Amino acid sequence: MSTSPQPPKYVSDLMELYGSSYGQLLDSGVFYDILEPEVDLEKVAFDHLRKFVGPKFFEPNELGWRRGWQLLYRRPEGEPGNIVKEFEDVYDILERVLERFLNPLGGNDYETAPLKLAIAFDSPEVTDLRIYQVHDEDILNGRLIISRRANGETTTLIFICD
């Protein structure tokens, strides 16, 4: 896995909306990698979760995080993307996660995020998109979205709430 020093505009736009820092625990973050085709996307996704949560909160309860890790959705090959609908279709947790997904900056702006999400995740170049449930088997819940494009560009978006 290699991380590009300069992500493309569609990724930097998401980073402006959702952040891009590890060790946040309760928040959201966007991460960008360039992967070879043989790299296991699920492993990359879980590694980002581990770094996002941070060792202070992940390591004492790694087993809980592993048990709380579940693939909820994988876009069928060749199907056009609609990330907002796909996210809402597997949404079954805290209202704050959906609110953070659709309106990350607050202020009742429900138009910007869906447009930026569509550019990043609904592009015909996206060859693999997955949505995972994440939780620690205690009080933390969230979602992780990861997509890979034909050129290896991979975008990960994580949300965690209590």
Protein backbone atom coordinates (compact mmCIF):
# COMPACT_ATOMS: atom_id res chain seq x y z
CA MET A 1 0.00 0.00 0.00
CA SER A 2 1.33 3.40 -0.87
CA THR A 3 -0.14 6.72 0.09
CA SER A 4 0.11 9.53 -2.40
CA PRO A 5 1.37 12.85 -1.00
CA GLN A 6 -1.14 14.73 -3.15
CA PRO A 7 -4.62 13.19 -3.31
CA PRO A 8 -6.85 14.03 -6.27
CA LYS A 9 -9.38 16.86 -5.91
CA TYR A 10 -12.31 14.52 -5.27
CA VAL A 11 -10.46 13.14 -2.21
CA SER A 12 -9.24 16.50 -0.92
CA ASP A 13 -12.83 17.80 -1.21
CA LEU A 14 -13.99 14.94 1.03
CA MET A 15 -11.11 15.58 3.44
CA GLU A 16 -12.27 19.18 3.80
CA LEU A 17 -15.77 17.97 4.69
CA TYR A 18 -14.97 14.96 6.87
CA GLY A 19 -11.40 15.48 8.11
CA SER A 20 -8.34 13.32 7.59
CA SER A 21 -6.73 12.68 10.96
CA TYR A 22 -5.99 9.40 12.67
CA GLY A 23 -6.62 8.87 16.38
CA GLN A 24 -9.94 10.72 16.34
CA LEU A 25 -12.12 7.92 17.80
CA LEU A 26 -15.42 9.88 17.72
CA ASP A 27 -15.58 11.70 14.43
CA SER A 28 -15.00 11.07 10.75
CA GLY A 29 -12.01 10.87 8.46
CA VAL A 30 -11.07 10.32 4.82
CA PHE A 31 -7.94 8.47 3.72
CA TYR A 32 -6.35 7.92 0.32
CA ASP A 33 -4.12 5.13 -0.95
CA ILE A 34 -2.89 3.80 -4.26
CA LEU A 35 -3.13 0.00 -4.23
CA GLU A 36 -2.03 -2.78 -6.49
CA PRO A 37 -4.93 -4.95 -7.73
CA GLU A 38 -3.94 -7.94 -5.58
CA VAL A 39 -4.04 -5.98 -2.29
CA ASP A 40 -6.88 -7.14 -0.02
CA LEU A 41 -9.29 -4.21 0.23
CA GLU A 42 -10.86 -5.50 3.46
CA LYS A 43 -7.47 -5.63 5.17
CA VAL A 44 -6.74 -2.05 4.07
CA ALA A 45 -10.14 -0.94 5.39
CA PHE A 46 -9.60 -2.61 8.78
CA ASP A 47 -6.06 -1.17 9.03
CA HIS A 48 -7.50 2.31 8.50
CA LEU A 49 -10.08 1.64 11.22
CA ARG A 50 -7.32 0.55 13.62
CA LYS A 51 -5.30 3.72 12.94
CA PHE A 52 -8.36 5.98 13.00
CA VAL A 53 -9.48 4.74 16.42
CA GLY A 54 -5.92 4.87 17.73
CA PRO A 55 -4.00 2.38 19.87
CA LYS A 56 -5.30 3.79 23.17
CA PHE A 57 -8.86 2.77 22.27
CA PHE A 58 -8.27 -0.04 19.77
CA GLU A 59 -5.69 -2.32 21.36
CA PRO A 60 -7.39 -2.92 24.73
CA ASN A 61 -10.53 -4.06 22.86
CA GLU A 62 -9.23 -5.39 19.54
CA LEU A 63 -11.39 -8.49 19.84
CA GLY A 64 -14.52 -6.34 20.28
CA TRP A 65 -13.64 -4.30 17.18
CA ARG A 66 -13.04 -7.50 15.18
CA ARG A 67 -16.39 -8.93 16.28
CA GLY A 68 -18.09 -5.64 15.42
CA TRP A 69 -16.63 -5.62 11.90
CA GLN A 70 -19.18 -6.70 9.30
CA LEU A 71 -19.57 -6.21 5.56
CA LEU A 72 -23.02 -4.70 5.05
CA TYR A 73 -22.91 -3.97 1.35
CA ARG A 74 -20.77 -4.57 -1.71
CA ARG A 75 -21.78 -2.85 -4.92
CA PRO A 76 -22.48 -5.45 -7.61
CA GLU A 77 -19.96 -5.35 -10.42
CA GLY A 78 -21.06 -3.12 -13.29
CA GLU A 79 -23.92 -1.54 -11.32
CA PRO A 80 -24.00 2.26 -11.41
CA GLY A 81 -23.26 3.87 -8.08
CA ASN A 82 -25.54 5.90 -5.84
CA ILE A 83 -23.59 6.18 -2.59
CA VAL A 84 -26.24 8.14 -0.69
CA LYS A 85 -28.93 5.56 -1.47
CA GLU A 86 -26.53 2.66 -0.82
CA PHE A 87 -25.57 4.17 2.55
CA GLU A 88 -29.18 4.81 3.52
CA ASP A 89 -30.15 1.26 2.51
CA VAL A 90 -27.79 -0.22 5.13
CA TYR A 91 -28.35 2.51 7.70
CA ASP A 92 -29.70 1.13 10.96
CA ILE A 93 -27.79 2.91 13.69
CA LEU A 94 -27.53 6.24 15.42
CA GLU A 95 -29.10 9.22 13.69
CA ARG A 96 -25.84 11.12 14.26
CA VAL A 97 -24.00 8.88 11.78
CA LEU A 98 -26.51 9.61 9.01
CA GLU A 99 -26.53 13.32 9.92
CA ARG A 100 -22.71 13.43 9.83
CA PHE A 101 -22.72 11.63 6.47
CA LEU A 102 -25.19 14.00 4.79
CA ASN A 103 -24.32 17.26 6.60
CA PRO A 104 -20.72 17.03 7.86
CA LEU A 105 -20.22 20.76 8.44
CA GLY A 106 -23.62 21.39 10.01
CA GLY A 107 -25.54 24.51 9.13
CA ASN A 108 -28.27 22.64 7.26
CA ASP A 109 -26.18 22.21 4.09
CA TYR A 110 -27.57 18.93 2.78
CA GLU A 111 -26.45 19.56 -0.82
CA THR A 112 -22.65 19.81 -0.73
CA ALA A 113 -21.79 16.45 0.85
CA PRO A 114 -24.01 14.32 -1.43
CA LEU A 115 -22.47 16.00 -4.49
CA LYS A 116 -18.90 15.45 -3.27
CA LEU A 117 -19.68 11.88 -2.19
CA ALA A 118 -21.13 11.12 -5.64
CA ILE A 119 -18.00 12.43 -7.38
CA ALA A 120 -15.80 10.24 -5.19
CA PHE A 121 -17.85 7.06 -4.93
CA ASP A 122 -20.26 6.97 -7.91
CA SER A 123 -17.70 7.42 -10.67
CA PRO A 124 -17.73 4.71 -13.36
CA GLU A 125 -14.01 4.31 -12.55
CA VAL A 126 -14.94 2.77 -9.16
CA THR A 127 -14.55 -0.99 -9.55
CA ASP A 128 -15.14 -2.04 -5.94
CA LEU A 129 -17.18 -0.30 -3.25
CA ARG A 130 -17.96 -1.70 0.18
CA ILE A 131 -19.73 -0.46 3.29
CA TYR A 132 -18.78 -1.99 6.64
CA GLN A 133 -20.38 -1.78 10.04
CA VAL A 134 -17.88 -0.99 12.78
CA HIS A 135 -18.44 -1.13 16.52
CA ASP A 136 -16.54 -2.06 19.65
CA GLU A 137 -19.27 -4.31 21.15
CA ASP A 138 -19.82 -1.63 23.76
CA ILE A 139 -20.88 1.96 23.01
CA LEU A 140 -19.11 2.95 19.78
CA ASN A 141 -20.84 2.49 16.42
CA GLY A 142 -20.10 3.59 12.91
CA ARG A 143 -19.61 2.90 9.25
CA LEU A 144 -16.62 2.59 6.96
CA ILE A 145 -16.91 3.09 3.21
CA ILE A 146 -14.03 2.04 0.98
CA SER A 147 -13.76 2.17 -2.79
CA ARG A 148 -11.09 1.27 -5.30
CA ARG A 149 -10.83 2.67 -8.80
CA ALA A 150 -9.44 0.86 -11.81
CA ASN A 151 -6.16 2.82 -11.48
CA GLY A 152 -5.71 1.67 -7.86
CA GLU A 153 -6.83 4.91 -6.20
CA THR A 154 -8.58 3.96 -2.99
CA THR A 155 -10.73 6.21 -0.83
CA THR A 156 -11.76 5.32 2.73
CA LEU A 157 -14.38 7.25 4.73
CA ILE A 158 -14.93 6.41 8.41
CA PHE A 159 -17.63 7.62 10.86
CA ILE A 160 -17.74 6.66 14.52
CA CYS A 161 -20.22 7.88 17.16
CA ASP A 162 -21.10 6.89 20.70
